[in-house]
Amino acid sequence: MNKKLYIILTILFALTPLGLLSSYSAWGEWDNEVYQKLIGFIPKGIENASSIQPLIPDYGEGSVVMYYLSALIGGGLIFGIFYLLSRSKR
């Protein structure tokens, strides 16, 4: 692969926990009250979403290790999917 791509991915990976510095929640990770405040209603599909258990239990607790683990797993899954798609086109 291209060396520049590895450099960019490494930089993005290193910047992963920057979200911990913000006092606001991550986009799309809001509770129902935030949806009510921002758009005036709670979307039907999101109403019961709080009952869904996350794959990485402590992800939202602010642990830097969990943010990095989540970035590794998510990045690995995305890379794997695109790798398999590129192999299937050959």
PDB file of N, CA and C in Angstrom:
ATOM      1  N   MET A   1       0.824  -1.184   0.000  1.00  0.00           N
ATOM      2  CA  MET A   1       0.000   0.000   0.000  1.00  0.00           C
ATOM      3  C   MET A   1       0.865   1.244   0.000  1.00  0.00           C
ATOM      4  N   ASN A   2       0.208   2.351  -0.197  1.00  0.00           N
ATOM      5  CA  ASN A   2       0.886   3.627  -0.275  1.00  0.00           C
ATOM      6  C   ASN A   2       1.354   4.077   1.115  1.00  0.00           C
ATOM      7  N   LYS A   3       2.612   4.518   1.213  1.00  0.00           N
ATOM      8  CA  LYS A   3       3.183   4.945   2.494  1.00  0.00           C
ATOM      9  C   LYS A   3       2.436   6.157   3.055  1.00  0.00           C
ATOM     10  N   LYS A   4       1.983   7.065   2.187  1.00  0.00           N
ATOM     11  CA  LYS A   4       1.242   8.241   2.632  1.00  0.00           C
ATOM     12  C   LYS A   4      -0.058   7.841   3.333  1.00  0.00           C
ATOM     13  N   LEU A   5      -0.713   6.811   2.839  1.00  0.00           N
ATOM     14  CA  LEU A   5      -1.950   6.340   3.449  1.00  0.00           C
ATOM     15  C   LEU A   5      -1.692   5.842   4.870  1.00  0.00           C
ATOM     16  N   TYR A   6      -0.612   5.107   5.068  1.00  0.00           N
ATOM     17  CA  TYR A   6      -0.265   4.635   6.412  1.00  0.00           C
ATOM     18  C   TYR A   6       0.026   5.799   7.358  1.00  0.00           C
ATOM     19  N   ILE A   7       0.676   6.818   6.849  1.00  0.00           N
ATOM     20  CA  ILE A   7       0.970   7.993   7.685  1.00  0.00           C
ATOM     21  C   ILE A   7      -0.325   8.687   8.094  1.00  0.00           C
ATOM     22  N   ILE A   8      -1.231   8.878   7.148  1.00  0.00           N
ATOM     23  CA  ILE A   8      -2.516   9.526   7.437  1.00  0.00           C
ATOM     24  C   ILE A   8      -3.313   8.710   8.437  1.00  0.00           C
ATOM     25  N   LEU A   9      -3.385   7.393   8.243  1.00  0.00           N
ATOM     26  CA  LEU A   9      -4.127   6.535   9.172  1.00  0.00           C
ATOM     27  C   LEU A   9      -3.514   6.563  10.567  1.00  0.00           C
ATOM     28  N   THR A  10      -2.196   6.612  10.663  1.00  0.00           N
ATOM     29  CA  THR A  10      -1.518   6.678  11.956  1.00  0.00           C
ATOM     30  C   THR A  10      -1.846   7.989  12.669  1.00  0.00           C
ATOM     31  N   ILE A  11      -1.851   9.089  11.929  1.00  0.00           N
ATOM     32  CA  ILE A  11      -2.187  10.385  12.519  1.00  0.00           C
ATOM     33  C   ILE A  11      -3.634  10.391  13.004  1.00  0.00           C
ATOM     34  N   LEU A  12      -4.553   9.882  12.186  1.00  0.00           N
ATOM     35  CA  LEU A  12      -5.959   9.824  12.599  1.00  0.00           C
ATOM     36  C   LEU A  12      -6.142   8.943  13.832  1.00  0.00           C
ATOM     37  N   PHE A  13      -5.421   7.840  13.873  1.00  0.00           N
ATOM     38  CA  PHE A  13      -5.510   6.947  15.027  1.00  0.00           C
ATOM     39  C   PHE A  13      -5.006   7.646  16.287  1.00  0.00           C
ATOM     40  N   ALA A  14      -3.907   8.407  16.157  1.00  0.00           N
ATOM     41  CA  ALA A  14      -3.347   9.116  17.313  1.00  0.00           C
ATOM     42  C   ALA A  14      -4.293  10.214  17.806  1.00  0.00           C
ATOM     43  N   LEU A  15      -5.081  10.791  16.906  1.00  0.00           N
ATOM     44  CA  LEU A  15      -6.009  11.856  17.279  1.00  0.00           C
ATOM     45  C   LEU A  15      -7.345  11.339  17.825  1.00  0.00           C
ATOM     46  N   THR A  16      -7.530  10.050  17.832  1.00  0.00           N
ATOM     47  CA  THR A  16      -8.800   9.452  18.249  1.00  0.00           C
ATOM     48  C   THR A  16      -9.332   9.966  19.586  1.00  0.00           C
ATOM     49  N   PRO A  17      -8.529  10.042  20.644  1.00  0.00           N
ATOM     50  CA  PRO A  17      -9.107  10.457  21.931  1.00  0.00           C
ATOM     51  C   PRO A  17      -9.333  11.956  22.084  1.00  0.00           C
ATOM     52  N   LEU A  18      -9.167  12.752  21.037  1.00  0.00           N
ATOM     53  CA  LEU A  18      -9.413  14.182  21.151  1.00  0.00           C
ATOM     54  C   LEU A  18     -10.854  14.485  21.562  1.00  0.00           C
ATOM     55  N   GLY A  19     -11.752  13.604  21.238  1.00  0.00           N
ATOM     56  CA  GLY A  19     -13.146  13.786  21.633  1.00  0.00           C
ATOM     57  C   GLY A  19     -13.334  13.820  23.132  1.00  0.00           C
ATOM     58  N   LEU A  20     -12.399  13.264  23.869  1.00  0.00           N
ATOM     59  CA  LEU A  20     -12.485  13.276  25.322  1.00  0.00           C
ATOM     60  C   LEU A  20     -12.300  14.681  25.897  1.00  0.00           C
ATOM     61  N   LEU A  21     -11.679  15.564  25.128  1.00  0.00           N
ATOM     62  CA  LEU A  21     -11.429  16.923  25.596  1.00  0.00           C
ATOM     63  C   LEU A  21     -12.666  17.817  25.494  1.00  0.00           C
ATOM     64  N   SER A  22     -13.624  17.423  24.699  1.00  0.00           N
ATOM     65  CA  SER A  22     -14.813  18.233  24.485  1.00  0.00           C
ATOM     66  C   SER A  22     -15.810  18.051  25.629  1.00  0.00           C
ATOM     67  N   SER A  23     -16.511  19.116  25.932  1.00  0.00           N
ATOM     68  CA  SER A  23     -17.555  19.015  26.949  1.00  0.00           C
ATOM     69  C   SER A  23     -18.877  18.557  26.335  1.00  0.00           C
ATOM     70  N   TYR A  24     -18.927  18.476  25.005  1.00  0.00           N
ATOM     71  CA  TYR A  24     -20.133  18.054  24.309  1.00  0.00           C
ATOM     72  C   TYR A  24     -20.046  16.567  23.970  1.00  0.00           C
ATOM     73  N   SER A  25     -21.195  15.966  23.747  1.00  0.00           N
ATOM     74  CA  SER A  25     -21.195  14.556  23.359  1.00  0.00           C
ATOM     75  C   SER A  25     -20.895  14.426  21.870  1.00  0.00           C
ATOM     76  N   ALA A  26     -20.460  13.248  21.478  1.00  0.00           N
ATOM     77  CA  ALA A  26     -20.125  12.994  20.078  1.00  0.00           C
ATOM     78  C   ALA A  26     -21.387  13.030  19.227  1.00  0.00           C
ATOM     79  N   TRP A  27     -21.221  13.426  17.966  1.00  0.00           N
ATOM     80  CA  TRP A  27     -22.357  13.509  17.066  1.00  0.00           C
ATOM     81  C   TRP A  27     -23.039  12.149  16.963  1.00  0.00           C
ATOM     82  N   GLY A  28     -24.338  12.133  17.166  1.00  0.00           N
ATOM     83  CA  GLY A  28     -25.116  10.906  17.033  1.00  0.00           C
ATOM     84  C   GLY A  28     -25.118  10.026  18.272  1.00  0.00           C
ATOM     85  N   GLU A  29     -24.373  10.381  19.302  1.00  0.00           N
ATOM     86  CA  GLU A  29     -24.345   9.591  20.535  1.00  0.00           C
ATOM     87  C   GLU A  29     -25.134  10.293  21.639  1.00  0.00           C
ATOM     88  N   TRP A  30     -26.204  10.945  21.245  1.00  0.00           N
ATOM     89  CA  TRP A  30     -26.986  11.735  22.177  1.00  0.00           C
ATOM     90  C   TRP A  30     -28.029  10.884  22.885  1.00  0.00           C
ATOM     91  N   ASP A  31     -28.449  11.366  24.043  1.00  0.00           N
ATOM     92  CA  ASP A  31     -29.580  10.725  24.703  1.00  0.00           C
ATOM     93  C   ASP A  31     -30.867  11.382  24.183  1.00  0.00           C
ATOM     94  N   ASN A  32     -32.003  10.848  24.576  1.00  0.00           N
ATOM     95  CA  ASN A  32     -33.278  11.318  24.033  1.00  0.00           C
ATOM     96  C   ASN A  32     -33.547  12.791  24.312  1.00  0.00           C
ATOM     97  N   GLU A  33     -33.083  13.303  25.447  1.00  0.00           N
ATOM     98  CA  GLU A  33     -33.320  14.703  25.782  1.00  0.00           C
ATOM     99  C   GLU A  33     -32.631  15.650  24.784  1.00  0.00           C
ATOM    100  N   VAL A  34     -31.448  15.255  24.307  1.00  0.00           N
ATOM    101  CA  VAL A  34     -30.733  16.100  23.352  1.00  0.00           C
ATOM    102  C   VAL A  34     -31.483  16.146  22.025  1.00  0.00           C
ATOM    103  N   TYR A  35     -32.001  14.999  21.569  1.00  0.00           N
ATOM    104  CA  TYR A  35     -32.796  14.993  20.337  1.00  0.00           C
ATOM    105  C   TYR A  35     -34.009  15.904  20.487  1.00  0.00           C
ATOM    106  N   GLN A  36     -34.671  15.804  21.634  1.00  0.00           N
ATOM    107  CA  GLN A  36     -35.855  16.632  21.894  1.00  0.00           C
ATOM    108  C   GLN A  36     -35.483  18.115  21.825  1.00  0.00           C
ATOM    109  N   LYS A  37     -34.352  18.463  22.409  1.00  0.00           N
ATOM    110  CA  LYS A  37     -33.917  19.864  22.436  1.00  0.00           C
ATOM    111  C   LYS A  37     -33.478  20.351  21.052  1.00  0.00           C
ATOM    112  N   LEU A  38     -32.721  19.522  20.310  1.00  0.00           N
ATOM    113  CA  LEU A  38     -32.171  19.947  19.023  1.00  0.00           C
ATOM    114  C   LEU A  38     -33.192  19.997  17.897  1.00  0.00           C
ATOM    115  N   ILE A  39     -34.032  18.958  17.801  1.00  0.00           N
ATOM    116  CA  ILE A  39     -34.957  18.895  16.655  1.00  0.00           C
ATOM    117  C   ILE A  39     -36.430  18.970  17.050  1.00  0.00           C
ATOM    118  N   GLY A  40     -36.690  19.017  18.345  1.00  0.00           N
ATOM    119  CA  GLY A  40     -38.064  19.198  18.796  1.00  0.00           C
ATOM    120  C   GLY A  40     -38.861  17.920  18.990  1.00  0.00           C
ATOM    121  N   PHE A  41     -38.288  16.783  18.666  1.00  0.00           N
ATOM    122  CA  PHE A  41     -38.959  15.497  18.883  1.00  0.00           C
ATOM    123  C   PHE A  41     -37.912  14.399  18.950  1.00  0.00           C
ATOM    124  N   ILE A  42     -38.339  13.233  19.396  1.00  0.00           N
ATOM    125  CA  ILE A  42     -37.456  12.075  19.452  1.00  0.00           C
ATOM    126  C   ILE A  42     -37.829  11.151  18.299  1.00  0.00           C
ATOM    127  N   PRO A  43     -36.933  10.911  17.341  1.00  0.00           N
ATOM    128  CA  PRO A  43     -37.252  10.016  16.221  1.00  0.00           C
ATOM    129  C   PRO A  43     -37.690   8.639  16.719  1.00  0.00           C
ATOM    130  N   LYS A  44     -38.670   8.070  16.045  1.00  0.00           N
ATOM    131  CA  LYS A  44     -39.278   6.812  16.486  1.00  0.00           C
ATOM    132  C   LYS A  44     -38.250   5.688  16.650  1.00  0.00           C
ATOM    133  N   GLY A  45     -37.312   5.570  15.724  1.00  0.00           N
ATOM    134  CA  GLY A  45     -36.322   4.502  15.799  1.00  0.00           C
ATOM    135  C   GLY A  45     -35.317   4.684  16.919  1.00  0.00           C
ATOM    136  N   ILE A  46     -35.198   5.894  17.418  1.00  0.00           N
ATOM    137  CA  ILE A  46     -34.215   6.180  18.464  1.00  0.00           C
ATOM    138  C   ILE A  46     -34.845   6.100  19.848  1.00  0.00           C
ATOM    139  N   GLU A  47     -36.149   6.154  19.906  1.00  0.00           N
ATOM    140  CA  GLU A  47     -36.855   6.162  21.188  1.00  0.00           C
ATOM    141  C   GLU A  47     -36.426   5.037  22.119  1.00  0.00           C
ATOM    142  N   ASN A  48     -36.274   3.838  21.599  1.00  0.00           N
ATOM    143  CA  ASN A  48     -35.929   2.681  22.428  1.00  0.00           C
ATOM    144  C   ASN A  48     -34.485   2.236  22.255  1.00  0.00           C
ATOM    145  N   ALA A  49     -33.653   3.064  21.635  1.00  0.00           N
ATOM    146  CA  ALA A  49     -32.267   2.684  21.351  1.00  0.00           C
ATOM    147  C   ALA A  49     -31.422   2.552  22.610  1.00  0.00           C
ATOM    148  N   SER A  50     -31.833   3.144  23.706  1.00  0.00           N
ATOM    149  CA  SER A  50     -31.036   3.070  24.931  1.00  0.00           C
ATOM    150  C   SER A  50     -30.981   1.655  25.501  1.00  0.00           C
ATOM    151  N   SER A  51     -31.864   0.787  25.059  1.00  0.00           N
ATOM    152  CA  SER A  51     -31.860  -0.593  25.555  1.00  0.00           C
ATOM    153  C   SER A  51     -30.827  -1.468  24.828  1.00  0.00           C
ATOM    154  N   ILE A  52     -30.207  -0.947  23.769  1.00  0.00           N
ATOM    155  CA  ILE A  52     -29.205  -1.702  23.009  1.00  0.00           C
ATOM    156  C   ILE A  52     -27.889  -1.701  23.777  1.00  0.00           C
ATOM    157  N   GLN A  53     -27.297  -2.864  23.942  1.00  0.00           N
ATOM    158  CA  GLN A  53     -26.022  -2.985  24.648  1.00  0.00           C
ATOM    159  C   GLN A  53     -24.862  -2.777  23.670  1.00  0.00           C
ATOM    160  N   PRO A  54     -23.879  -1.961  24.025  1.00  0.00           N
ATOM    161  CA  PRO A  54     -22.742  -1.725  23.127  1.00  0.00           C
ATOM    162  C   PRO A  54     -21.810  -2.930  23.054  1.00  0.00           C
ATOM    163  N   LEU A  55     -21.067  -3.036  21.947  1.00  0.00           N
ATOM    164  CA  LEU A  55     -20.105  -4.127  21.789  1.00  0.00           C
ATOM    165  C   LEU A  55     -18.936  -3.967  22.753  1.00  0.00           C
ATOM    166  N   ILE A  56     -18.522  -2.720  22.984  1.00  0.00           N
ATOM    167  CA  ILE A  56     -17.448  -2.428  23.931  1.00  0.00           C
ATOM    168  C   ILE A  56     -18.090  -1.679  25.097  1.00  0.00           C
ATOM    169  N   PRO A  57     -18.316  -2.354  26.218  1.00  0.00           N
ATOM    170  CA  PRO A  57     -19.121  -1.790  27.301  1.00  0.00           C
ATOM    171  C   PRO A  57     -18.659  -0.445  27.851  1.00  0.00           C
ATOM    172  N   ASP A  58     -17.380  -0.207  28.010  1.00  0.00           N
ATOM    173  CA  ASP A  58     -16.906   1.026  28.627  1.00  0.00           C
ATOM    174  C   ASP A  58     -16.549   2.097  27.617  1.00  0.00           C
ATOM    175  N   TYR A  59     -16.985   1.956  26.382  1.00  0.00           N
ATOM    176  CA  TYR A  59     -16.604   2.914  25.338  1.00  0.00           C
ATOM    177  C   TYR A  59     -16.989   4.342  25.718  1.00  0.00           C
ATOM    178  N   GLY A  60     -18.184   4.537  26.195  1.00  0.00           N
ATOM    179  CA  GLY A  60     -18.661   5.881  26.486  1.00  0.00           C
ATOM    180  C   GLY A  60     -18.235   6.427  27.833  1.00  0.00           C
ATOM    181  N   GLU A  61     -17.443   5.700  28.581  1.00  0.00           N
ATOM    182  CA  GLU A  61     -17.061   6.134  29.922  1.00  0.00           C
ATOM    183  C   GLU A  61     -15.828   7.035  29.933  1.00  0.00           C
ATOM    184  N   GLY A  62     -15.266   7.347  28.789  1.00  0.00           N
ATOM    185  CA  GLY A  62     -14.158   8.286  28.722  1.00  0.00           C
ATOM    186  C   GLY A  62     -12.790   7.659  28.886  1.00  0.00           C
ATOM    187  N   SER A  63     -12.685   6.353  28.842  1.00  0.00           N
ATOM    188  CA  SER A  63     -11.394   5.688  28.960  1.00  0.00           C
ATOM    189  C   SER A  63     -10.637   5.798  27.637  1.00  0.00           C
ATOM    190  N   VAL A  64      -9.430   6.342  27.690  1.00  0.00           N
ATOM    191  CA  VAL A  64      -8.622   6.504  26.480  1.00  0.00           C
ATOM    192  C   VAL A  64      -8.332   5.142  25.853  1.00  0.00           C
ATOM    193  N   VAL A  65      -8.085   4.147  26.673  1.00  0.00           N
ATOM    194  CA  VAL A  65      -7.796   2.803  26.165  1.00  0.00           C
ATOM    195  C   VAL A  65      -8.981   2.281  25.361  1.00  0.00           C
ATOM    196  N   MET A  66     -10.185   2.492  25.863  1.00  0.00           N
ATOM    197  CA  MET A  66     -11.371   2.010  25.155  1.00  0.00           C
ATOM    198  C   MET A  66     -11.594   2.775  23.845  1.00  0.00           C
ATOM    199  N   TYR A  67     -11.262   4.055  23.828  1.00  0.00           N
ATOM    200  CA  TYR A  67     -11.371   4.811  22.577  1.00  0.00           C
ATOM    201  C   TYR A  67     -10.402   4.255  21.539  1.00  0.00           C
ATOM    202  N   TYR A  68      -9.168   3.972  21.949  1.00  0.00           N
ATOM    203  CA  TYR A  68      -8.196   3.393  21.016  1.00  0.00           C
ATOM    204  C   TYR A  68      -8.629   1.995  20.572  1.00  0.00           C
ATOM    205  N   LEU A  69      -9.121   1.198  21.504  1.00  0.00           N
ATOM    206  CA  LEU A  69      -9.583  -0.144  21.150  1.00  0.00           C
ATOM    207  C   LEU A  69     -10.736  -0.055  20.160  1.00  0.00           C
ATOM    208  N   SER A  70     -11.645   0.860  20.403  1.00  0.00           N
ATOM    209  CA  SER A  70     -12.765   1.048  19.482  1.00  0.00           C
ATOM    210  C   SER A  70     -12.284   1.494  18.107  1.00  0.00           C
ATOM    211  N   ALA A  71     -11.307   2.400  18.074  1.00  0.00           N
ATOM    212  CA  ALA A  71     -10.754   2.854  16.794  1.00  0.00           C
ATOM    213  C   ALA A  71     -10.075   1.708  16.050  1.00  0.00           C
ATOM    214  N   LEU A  72      -9.353   0.875  16.774  1.00  0.00           N
ATOM    215  CA  LEU A  72      -8.693  -0.273  16.139  1.00  0.00           C
ATOM    216  C   LEU A  72      -9.704  -1.257  15.567  1.00  0.00           C
ATOM    217  N   ILE A  73     -10.709  -1.570  16.359  1.00  0.00           N
ATOM    218  CA  ILE A  73     -11.721  -2.531  15.906  1.00  0.00           C
ATOM    219  C   ILE A  73     -12.501  -1.961  14.725  1.00  0.00           C
ATOM    220  N   GLY A  74     -12.976  -0.713  14.852  1.00  0.00           N
ATOM    221  CA  GLY A  74     -13.740  -0.089  13.772  1.00  0.00           C
ATOM    222  C   GLY A  74     -12.926   0.068  12.507  1.00  0.00           C
ATOM    223  N   GLY A  75     -11.690   0.567  12.658  1.00  0.00           N
ATOM    224  CA  GLY A  75     -10.823   0.717  11.490  1.00  0.00           C
ATOM    225  C   GLY A  75     -10.491  -0.616  10.850  1.00  0.00           C
ATOM    226  N   GLY A  76     -10.241  -1.613  11.685  1.00  0.00           N
ATOM    227  CA  GLY A  76      -9.947  -2.952  11.169  1.00  0.00           C
ATOM    228  C   GLY A  76     -11.120  -3.551  10.409  1.00  0.00           C
ATOM    229  N   LEU A  77     -12.324  -3.361  10.938  1.00  0.00           N
ATOM    230  CA  LEU A  77     -13.514  -3.878  10.250  1.00  0.00           C
ATOM    231  C   LEU A  77     -13.727  -3.188   8.908  1.00  0.00           C
ATOM    232  N   ILE A  78     -13.584  -1.877   8.894  1.00  0.00           N
ATOM    233  CA  ILE A  78     -13.759  -1.131   7.646  1.00  0.00           C
ATOM    234  C   ILE A  78     -12.689  -1.532   6.634  1.00  0.00           C
ATOM    235  N   PHE A  79     -11.427  -1.616   7.085  1.00  0.00           N
ATOM    236  CA  PHE A  79     -10.356  -2.040   6.195  1.00  0.00           C
ATOM    237  C   PHE A  79     -10.642  -3.441   5.657  1.00  0.00           C
ATOM    238  N   GLY A  80     -11.051  -4.356   6.524  1.00  0.00           N
ATOM    239  CA  GLY A  80     -11.341  -5.727   6.111  1.00  0.00           C
ATOM    240  C   GLY A  80     -12.451  -5.809   5.083  1.00  0.00           C
ATOM    241  N   ILE A  81     -13.501  -5.027   5.282  1.00  0.00           N
ATOM    242  CA  ILE A  81     -14.622  -5.030   4.334  1.00  0.00           C
ATOM    243  C   ILE A  81     -14.159  -4.536   2.965  1.00  0.00           C
ATOM    244  N   PHE A  82     -13.428  -3.422   2.942  1.00  0.00           N
ATOM    245  CA  PHE A  82     -12.966  -2.892   1.661  1.00  0.00           C
ATOM    246  C   PHE A  82     -11.916  -3.797   1.019  1.00  0.00           C
ATOM    247  N   TYR A  83     -11.109  -4.437   1.830  1.00  0.00           N
ATOM    248  CA  TYR A  83     -10.143  -5.383   1.296  1.00  0.00           C
ATOM    249  C   TYR A  83     -10.851  -6.543   0.605  1.00  0.00           C
ATOM    250  N   LEU A  84     -11.861  -7.103   1.277  1.00  0.00           N
ATOM    251  CA  LEU A  84     -12.618  -8.206   0.688  1.00  0.00           C
ATOM    252  C   LEU A  84     -13.361  -7.766  -0.570  1.00  0.00           C
ATOM    253  N   LEU A  85     -13.912  -6.557  -0.563  1.00  0.00           N
ATOM    254  CA  LEU A  85     -14.583  -6.053  -1.762  1.00  0.00           C
ATOM    255  C   LEU A  85     -13.613  -5.882  -2.922  1.00  0.00           C
ATOM    256  N   SER A  86     -12.427  -5.385  -2.646  1.00  0.00           N
ATOM    257  CA  SER A  86     -11.447  -5.210  -3.724  1.00  0.00           C
ATOM    258  C   SER A  86     -10.972  -6.547  -4.263  1.00  0.00           C
ATOM    259  N   ARG A  87     -10.840  -7.538  -3.381  1.00  0.00           N
ATOM    260  CA  ARG A  87     -10.415  -8.877  -3.822  1.00  0.00           C
ATOM    261  C   ARG A  87     -11.497  -9.556  -4.672  1.00  0.00           C
ATOM    262  N   SER A  88     -12.750  -9.285  -4.347  1.00  0.00           N
ATOM    263  CA  SER A  88     -13.841  -9.929  -5.087  1.00  0.00           C
ATOM    264  C   SER A  88     -14.002  -9.352  -6.490  1.00  0.00           C
ATOM    265  N   LYS A  89     -13.534  -8.128  -6.706  1.00  0.00           N
ATOM    266  CA  LYS A  89     -13.638  -7.514  -8.032  1.00  0.00           C
ATOM    267  C   LYS A  89     -12.547  -7.998  -8.985  1.00  0.00           C
ATOM    268  N   ARG A  90     -11.497  -8.612  -8.449  1.00  0.00           N
ATOM    269  CA  ARG A  90     -10.387  -9.070  -9.305  1.00  0.00           C
ATOM    270  C   ARG A  90     -10.726 -10.317 -10.037  1.00  0.00           C
TER     271      ARG A  90
END
